[in-house]
Amino acid sequence: MSDAFHISLEAAKARLLPGPENPQFVTLRERGSLTVELYRPLEVDHQQPHSRDECYVIVEGRGHFEMGDETIDFSPGDFLFVPAGMPHRFRDFGDSMMAWVMFYGPEGGEDA
């Protein structure tokens, strides 16, 4: 069996359940230290700092992203990196924000 992996955005979206009572993310693949998810916050982003390094690729939506003491604007196609333990959250993103999320590396993050 090959370790290669492909999933279209449409197939990943189909795995997200509709409605605010359902999870806002779906885990699509795990391999070694890598976890790939699709994330769709609904109204409020309730994230807490994570124990591993994290990357986002914005698929849909625009808004603001708080990472540590910095706030930046984001839009589709943007790439965001957040080191393990750093407080972060999406704000003012409307009702259609979606991002690919990749967690990787050891607990506590990789050494710089």
C-alpha atoms as a PDB file:
ATOM      1  CA  MET A   1       0.000   0.000   0.000  1.00  0.00           C
ATOM      2  CA  SER A   2       1.311   3.438  -0.908  1.00  0.00           C
ATOM      3  CA  ASP A   3       1.874   6.116   1.711  1.00  0.00           C
ATOM      4  CA  ALA A   4       0.926   8.792  -0.825  1.00  0.00           C
ATOM      5  CA  PHE A   5      -2.285  10.664  -0.061  1.00  0.00           C
ATOM      6  CA  HIS A   6      -4.669  12.905  -1.970  1.00  0.00           C
ATOM      7  CA  ILE A   7      -8.011  14.371  -0.988  1.00  0.00           C
ATOM      8  CA  SER A   8      -9.833  17.084  -2.879  1.00  0.00           C
ATOM      9  CA  LEU A   9     -11.204  20.097  -1.073  1.00  0.00           C
ATOM     10  CA  GLU A  10     -14.735  19.033  -2.047  1.00  0.00           C
ATOM     11  CA  ALA A  11     -14.238  15.546  -0.585  1.00  0.00           C
ATOM     12  CA  ALA A  12     -12.795  17.025   2.612  1.00  0.00           C
ATOM     13  CA  LYS A  13     -15.703  19.496   2.908  1.00  0.00           C
ATOM     14  CA  ALA A  14     -18.175  16.624   2.512  1.00  0.00           C
ATOM     15  CA  ARG A  15     -16.734  15.067   5.673  1.00  0.00           C
ATOM     16  CA  LEU A  16     -17.575  18.148   7.758  1.00  0.00           C
ATOM     17  CA  LEU A  17     -20.995  17.746   9.324  1.00  0.00           C
ATOM     18  CA  PRO A  18     -23.375  20.704   9.003  1.00  0.00           C
ATOM     19  CA  GLY A  19     -24.646  22.644  11.989  1.00  0.00           C
ATOM     20  CA  PRO A  20     -23.138  24.458  14.963  1.00  0.00           C
ATOM     21  CA  GLU A  21     -23.506  21.428  17.246  1.00  0.00           C
ATOM     22  CA  ASN A  22     -21.065  19.376  15.144  1.00  0.00           C
ATOM     23  CA  PRO A  23     -17.266  19.383  15.213  1.00  0.00           C
ATOM     24  CA  GLN A  24     -15.714  22.321  13.410  1.00  0.00           C
ATOM     25  CA  PHE A  25     -12.874  20.201  12.043  1.00  0.00           C
ATOM     26  CA  VAL A  26     -12.310  16.803  10.540  1.00  0.00           C
ATOM     27  CA  THR A  27      -9.089  14.816  10.731  1.00  0.00           C
ATOM     28  CA  LEU A  28      -8.259  13.625   7.223  1.00  0.00           C
ATOM     29  CA  ARG A  29      -4.930  11.841   7.619  1.00  0.00           C
ATOM     30  CA  GLU A  30      -2.323  10.965  10.218  1.00  0.00           C
ATOM     31  CA  ARG A  31       1.147   9.716   9.379  1.00  0.00           C
ATOM     32  CA  GLY A  32       4.045   9.758  11.808  1.00  0.00           C
ATOM     33  CA  SER A  33       3.948  13.144  13.524  1.00  0.00           C
ATOM     34  CA  LEU A  34       1.787  14.712  10.781  1.00  0.00           C
ATOM     35  CA  THR A  35      -1.951  15.279  11.263  1.00  0.00           C
ATOM     36  CA  VAL A  36      -3.959  16.879   8.430  1.00  0.00           C
ATOM     37  CA  GLU A  37      -7.347  18.459   9.137  1.00  0.00           C
ATOM     38  CA  LEU A  38      -9.904  20.720   7.535  1.00  0.00           C
ATOM     39  CA  TYR A  39     -11.061  23.458   9.955  1.00  0.00           C
ATOM     40  CA  ARG A  40     -14.249  25.497   9.733  1.00  0.00           C
ATOM     41  CA  PRO A  41     -14.846  27.721  12.764  1.00  0.00           C
ATOM     42  CA  LEU A  42     -18.456  28.716  13.296  1.00  0.00           C
ATOM     43  CA  GLU A  43     -19.014  32.243  14.655  1.00  0.00           C
ATOM     44  CA  VAL A  44     -16.224  32.051  17.270  1.00  0.00           C
ATOM     45  CA  ASP A  45     -12.814  30.374  17.144  1.00  0.00           C
ATOM     46  CA  HIS A  46     -12.420  28.573  20.481  1.00  0.00           C
ATOM     47  CA  GLN A  47      -8.859  27.353  19.933  1.00  0.00           C
ATOM     48  CA  GLN A  48      -6.387  27.069  22.759  1.00  0.00           C
ATOM     49  CA  PRO A  49      -2.600  26.878  22.308  1.00  0.00           C
ATOM     50  CA  HIS A  50      -1.573  23.515  20.858  1.00  0.00           C
ATOM     51  CA  SER A  51       1.224  21.243  22.010  1.00  0.00           C
ATOM     52  CA  ARG A  52       2.724  20.810  18.504  1.00  0.00           C
ATOM     53  CA  ASP A  53       3.731  23.170  15.691  1.00  0.00           C
ATOM     54  CA  GLU A  54       0.846  24.051  13.369  1.00  0.00           C
ATOM     55  CA  CYS A  55       0.397  25.361   9.819  1.00  0.00           C
ATOM     56  CA  TYR A  56      -2.743  26.741   8.189  1.00  0.00           C
ATOM     57  CA  VAL A  57      -3.514  27.300   4.520  1.00  0.00           C
ATOM     58  CA  ILE A  58      -6.600  29.510   4.171  1.00  0.00           C
ATOM     59  CA  VAL A  59      -9.124  28.060   1.711  1.00  0.00           C
ATOM     60  CA  GLU A  60     -12.067  30.435   2.152  1.00  0.00           C
ATOM     61  CA  GLY A  61     -12.811  33.610   4.043  1.00  0.00           C
ATOM     62  CA  ARG A  62     -11.097  36.753   5.214  1.00  0.00           C
ATOM     63  CA  GLY A  63     -10.533  38.157   8.657  1.00  0.00           C
ATOM     64  CA  HIS A  64      -7.927  38.686  11.336  1.00  0.00           C
ATOM     65  CA  PHE A  65      -5.575  36.192  12.933  1.00  0.00           C
ATOM     66  CA  GLU A  66      -4.102  36.733  16.380  1.00  0.00           C
ATOM     67  CA  MET A  67      -0.788  34.964  17.003  1.00  0.00           C
ATOM     68  CA  GLY A  68       0.962  35.889  20.199  1.00  0.00           C
ATOM     69  CA  ASP A  69       1.078  39.700  20.410  1.00  0.00           C
ATOM     70  CA  GLU A  70       0.584  40.174  16.658  1.00  0.00           C
ATOM     71  CA  THR A  71      -2.665  40.465  14.661  1.00  0.00           C
ATOM     72  CA  ILE A  72      -2.583  40.073  10.884  1.00  0.00           C
ATOM     73  CA  ASP A  73      -5.170  40.093   8.095  1.00  0.00           C
ATOM     74  CA  PHE A  74      -5.697  36.834   6.213  1.00  0.00           C
ATOM     75  CA  SER A  75      -7.374  35.869   2.934  1.00  0.00           C
ATOM     76  CA  PRO A  76      -7.632  32.774   0.687  1.00  0.00           C
ATOM     77  CA  GLY A  77      -4.276  31.294  -0.258  1.00  0.00           C
ATOM     78  CA  ASP A  78      -2.432  32.649   2.794  1.00  0.00           C
ATOM     79  CA  PHE A  79      -0.099  30.376   4.781  1.00  0.00           C
ATOM     80  CA  LEU A  80       0.155  30.780   8.570  1.00  0.00           C
ATOM     81  CA  PHE A  81       2.615  29.102  10.941  1.00  0.00           C
ATOM     82  CA  VAL A  82       2.119  28.954  14.714  1.00  0.00           C
ATOM     83  CA  PRO A  83       4.760  27.389  16.973  1.00  0.00           C
ATOM     84  CA  ALA A  84       3.679  25.020  19.717  1.00  0.00           C
ATOM     85  CA  GLY A  85       2.311  26.763  22.803  1.00  0.00           C
ATOM     86  CA  MET A  86       1.623  30.145  21.169  1.00  0.00           C
ATOM     87  CA  PRO A  87      -1.873  31.560  21.808  1.00  0.00           C
ATOM     88  CA  HIS A  88      -3.703  32.103  18.502  1.00  0.00           C
ATOM     89  CA  ARG A  89      -7.193  32.506  17.083  1.00  0.00           C
ATOM     90  CA  PHE A  90      -9.148  33.655  14.053  1.00  0.00           C
ATOM     91  CA  ARG A  91     -11.369  36.737  14.488  1.00  0.00           C
ATOM     92  CA  ASP A  92     -13.890  38.633  12.372  1.00  0.00           C
ATOM     93  CA  PHE A  93     -14.000  35.851   9.774  1.00  0.00           C
ATOM     94  CA  GLY A  94     -17.681  35.880   8.847  1.00  0.00           C
ATOM     95  CA  ASP A  95     -19.569  32.692   8.107  1.00  0.00           C
ATOM     96  CA  SER A  96     -17.460  30.978   5.450  1.00  0.00           C
ATOM     97  CA  MET A  97     -13.920  30.705   6.811  1.00  0.00           C
ATOM     98  CA  MET A  98     -12.142  27.402   6.138  1.00  0.00           C
ATOM     99  CA  ALA A  99      -8.511  26.261   6.332  1.00  0.00           C
ATOM    100  CA  TRP A 100      -6.341  23.211   5.833  1.00  0.00           C
ATOM    101  CA  VAL A 101      -4.510  22.548   9.122  1.00  0.00           C
ATOM    102  CA  MET A 102      -1.322  20.561   9.567  1.00  0.00           C
ATOM    103  CA  PHE A 103       0.085  19.626  12.974  1.00  0.00           C
ATOM    104  CA  TYR A 104       3.547  18.106  12.985  1.00  0.00           C
ATOM    105  CA  GLY A 105       6.616  17.417  15.043  1.00  0.00           C
ATOM    106  CA  PRO A 106       7.108  16.451  18.672  1.00  0.00           C
ATOM    107  CA  GLU A 107       5.138  17.625  21.680  1.00  0.00           C
ATOM    108  CA  GLY A 108       6.480  21.069  22.587  1.00  0.00           C
ATOM    109  CA  GLY A 109       7.371  21.861  18.957  1.00  0.00           C
ATOM    110  CA  GLU A 110      10.563  21.495  16.994  1.00  0.00           C
ATOM    111  CA  ASP A 111      13.775  23.215  18.013  1.00  0.00           C
ATOM    112  CA  ALA A 112      14.341  26.438  16.081  1.00  0.00           C
END
